[in-house]
C-alpha atoms as a PDB file:
ATOM      1  CA  PRO A   1     132.145 -44.543 -10.188  1.00  0.00           C
ATOM      2  CA  GLY A   2     134.596 -41.904  -9.106  1.00  0.00           C
ATOM      3  CA  GLY A   3     131.848 -39.680  -7.740  1.00  0.00           C
ATOM      4  CA  GLU A   4     133.850 -38.234  -4.885  1.00  0.00           C
ATOM      5  CA  GLU A   5     136.807 -37.417  -7.135  1.00  0.00           C
ATOM      6  CA  ILE A   6     134.532 -35.835  -9.733  1.00  0.00           C
ATOM      7  CA  ILE A   7     132.741 -33.670  -7.182  1.00  0.00           C
ATOM      8  CA  LYS A   8     136.029 -32.573  -5.602  1.00  0.00           C
ATOM      9  CA  ALA A   9     137.427 -31.680  -9.051  1.00  0.00           C
ATOM     10  CA  ILE A  10     134.332 -29.611  -9.859  1.00  0.00           C
ATOM     11  CA  LEU A  11     134.486 -27.795  -6.523  1.00  0.00           C
ATOM     12  CA  THR A  12     138.219 -27.155  -6.927  1.00  0.00           C
ATOM     13  CA  SER A  13     137.825 -25.743 -10.429  1.00  0.00           C
ATOM     14  CA  HIS A  14     134.749 -23.691  -9.426  1.00  0.00           C
ATOM     15  CA  PRO A  15     135.398 -22.583  -5.817  1.00  0.00           C
ATOM     16  CA  SER A  16     132.504 -20.109  -5.751  1.00  0.00           C
ATOM     17  CA  LEU A  17     129.970 -22.773  -6.763  1.00  0.00           C
ATOM     18  CA  ASN A  18     127.220 -22.800  -4.131  1.00  0.00           C
ATOM     19  CA  ARG A  19     124.223 -24.213  -6.000  1.00  0.00           C
ATOM     20  CA  ILE A  20     124.248 -27.595  -7.759  1.00  0.00           C
ATOM     21  CA  LEU A  21     121.572 -29.294  -9.840  1.00  0.00           C
ATOM     22  CA  ILE A  22     121.814 -33.087 -10.083  1.00  0.00           C
ATOM     23  CA  VAL A  23     119.927 -34.395 -13.133  1.00  0.00           C
ATOM     24  CA  LYS A  24     118.881 -37.992 -13.753  1.00  0.00           C
ATOM     25  CA  GLY A  25     116.906 -39.432 -16.647  1.00  0.00           C
ATOM     26  CA  ALA A  26     114.328 -41.334 -14.630  1.00  0.00           C
ATOM     27  CA  ALA A  27     113.573 -42.105 -10.996  1.00  0.00           C
ATOM     28  CA  SER A  28     111.698 -45.296 -10.290  1.00  0.00           C
ATOM     29  CA  ARG A  29     112.065 -45.447  -6.487  1.00  0.00           C
ATOM     30  CA  GLY A  30     114.334 -42.490  -5.797  1.00  0.00           C
ATOM     31  CA  ASP A  31     117.125 -44.596  -4.281  1.00  0.00           C
ATOM     32  CA  THR A  32     119.837 -42.918  -6.377  1.00  0.00           C
ATOM     33  CA  PHE A  33     119.078 -39.479  -4.943  1.00  0.00           C
ATOM     34  CA  ARG A  34     118.930 -40.843  -1.403  1.00  0.00           C
ATOM     35  CA  LYS A  35     122.291 -42.613  -1.863  1.00  0.00           C
ATOM     36  CA  PHE A  36     123.792 -39.468  -3.384  1.00  0.00           C
ATOM     37  CA  LYS A  37     122.723 -37.395  -0.365  1.00  0.00           C
ATOM     38  CA  ASP A  38     124.133 -39.986   2.041  1.00  0.00           C
ATOM     39  CA  SER A  39     127.417 -40.453   0.166  1.00  0.00           C
ATOM     40  CA  PHE A  40     128.270 -36.801  -0.390  1.00  0.00           C
ATOM     41  CA  ALA A  41     126.647 -35.037   2.561  1.00  0.00           C
ATOM     42  CA  VAL A  42     129.983 -34.051   4.101  1.00  0.00           C
ATOM     43  CA  ILE A  43     131.568 -32.786   0.864  1.00  0.00           C
ATOM     44  CA  LEU A  44     128.473 -30.784  -0.113  1.00  0.00           C
ATOM     45  CA  ALA A  45     127.347 -29.693   3.362  1.00  0.00           C
ATOM     46  CA  ASP A  46     127.527 -25.968   2.592  1.00  0.00           C
ATOM     47  CA  LYS A  47     126.014 -26.229  -0.921  1.00  0.00           C
ATOM     48  CA  GLU A  48     122.421 -25.889  -2.067  1.00  0.00           C
ATOM     49  CA  ILE A  49     121.599 -29.160  -3.850  1.00  0.00           C
ATOM     50  CA  LYS A  50     118.523 -29.652  -6.038  1.00  0.00           C
ATOM     51  CA  PHE A  51     117.457 -32.768  -7.949  1.00  0.00           C
ATOM     52  CA  ALA A  52     115.750 -33.085 -11.332  1.00  0.00           C
ATOM     53  CA  VAL A  53     114.466 -35.977 -13.448  1.00  0.00           C
ATOM     54  CA  LEU A  54     112.907 -36.233 -16.877  1.00  0.00           C
ATOM     55  CA  TYR A  55     110.551 -38.999 -15.722  1.00  0.00           C
ATOM     56  CA  GLN A  56     109.407 -39.948 -12.233  1.00  0.00           C
ATOM     57  CA  ASN A  57     107.575 -43.170 -11.506  1.00  0.00           C
ATOM     58  CA  PRO A  58     104.170 -42.409  -9.962  1.00  0.00           C
ATOM     59  CA  THR A  59     105.012 -44.744  -7.060  1.00  0.00           C
ATOM     60  CA  SER A  60     108.330 -43.024  -6.267  1.00  0.00           C
ATOM     61  CA  MET A  61     108.453 -41.648  -2.738  1.00  0.00           C
ATOM     62  CA  SER A  62     111.563 -39.556  -3.353  1.00  0.00           C
ATOM     63  CA  LEU A  63     111.444 -35.776  -2.984  1.00  0.00           C
ATOM     64  CA  ILE A  64     112.596 -34.428  -6.357  1.00  0.00           C
ATOM     65  CA  ASP A  65     112.706 -30.695  -6.910  1.00  0.00           C
ATOM     66  CA  TYR A  66     112.035 -30.672 -10.656  1.00  0.00           C
ATOM     67  CA  VAL A  67     110.110 -33.361 -12.559  1.00  0.00           C
ATOM     68  CA  GLY A  68     109.565 -33.292 -16.310  1.00  0.00           C
ATOM     69  CA  GLU A  69     106.763 -35.849 -16.335  1.00  0.00           C
ATOM     70  CA  ILE A  70     105.111 -38.313 -13.981  1.00  0.00           C
ATOM     71  CA  GLY A  71     105.004 -41.608 -15.804  1.00  0.00           C
ATOM     72  CA  PRO A  72     104.987 -42.927 -18.508  1.00  0.00           C
ATOM     73  CA  GLU A  73     102.505 -45.718 -18.005  1.00  0.00           C
ATOM     74  CA  PRO A  74     103.389 -48.515 -18.122  1.00  0.00           C
ATOM     75  CA  TRP A  75     106.870 -47.828 -16.744  1.00  0.00           C
ATOM     76  CA  PRO A  76     109.318 -49.124 -19.376  1.00  0.00           C
ATOM     77  CA  GLU A  77     111.965 -51.706 -18.558  1.00  0.00           C
ATOM     78  CA  LYS A  78     114.472 -49.527 -20.458  1.00  0.00           C
ATOM     79  CA  PHE A  79     114.398 -45.909 -21.556  1.00  0.00           C
ATOM     80  CA  PRO A  80     115.750 -44.880 -24.975  1.00  0.00           C
ATOM     81  CA  TRP A  81     119.103 -43.699 -23.565  1.00  0.00           C
ATOM     82  CA  HIS A  82     119.739 -47.176 -22.124  1.00  0.00           C
ATOM     83  CA  HIS A  83     120.329 -48.395 -25.686  1.00  0.00           C
ATOM     84  CA  CYS A  84     123.112 -45.869 -26.393  1.00  0.00           C
ATOM     85  CA  ASP A  85     126.758 -46.995 -26.338  1.00  0.00           C
ATOM     86  CA  LEU A  86     127.602 -43.974 -24.184  1.00  0.00           C
ATOM     87  CA  TYR A  87     125.173 -44.963 -21.417  1.00  0.00           C
ATOM     88  CA  ARG A  88     127.130 -46.282 -18.432  1.00  0.00           C
ATOM     89  CA  PRO A  89     130.034 -47.768 -20.389  1.00  0.00           C
ATOM     90  CA  TYR A  90     131.584 -49.024 -17.146  1.00  0.00           C
ATOM     91  CA  LEU A  91     128.551 -51.298 -16.636  1.00  0.00           C
ATOM     92  CA  ARG A  92     128.599 -52.457 -20.251  1.00  0.00           C
ATOM     93  CA  ASP A  93     132.218 -53.567 -19.833  1.00  0.00           C
ATOM     94  CA  ILE A  94     131.340 -55.505 -16.675  1.00  0.00           C
ATOM     95  CA  PHE A  95     128.464 -57.333 -18.344  1.00  0.00           C
ATOM     96  CA  THR A  96     130.308 -58.134 -21.577  1.00  0.00           C
ATOM     97  CA  SER A  97     133.328 -59.556 -19.701  1.00  0.00           C
ATOM     98  CA  LYS A  98     131.060 -62.085 -17.926  1.00  0.00           C
ATOM     99  CA  LYS A  99     129.805 -63.619 -21.163  1.00  0.00           C
END
């Protein structure tokens, strides 16, 4: 949420920024990186963008520049950071309001 506003704020506060590293905890299919590229291609057209993950699913077809580890096997339903109150609080609020 608010991705475009966040990126514009970063670029405004750091006008000489030309290289950006996008880091994600895990990539199962790589859809997030593909959606990011599609959504922000115009805003970041003149920037060098690289992607990194801690864990990449062995079946992922996404091109990721930096990968900490392929696996683990079996792929967990949730990673440890999913259990933290700070992880995606906007989703937590959505799910708790539906109960």
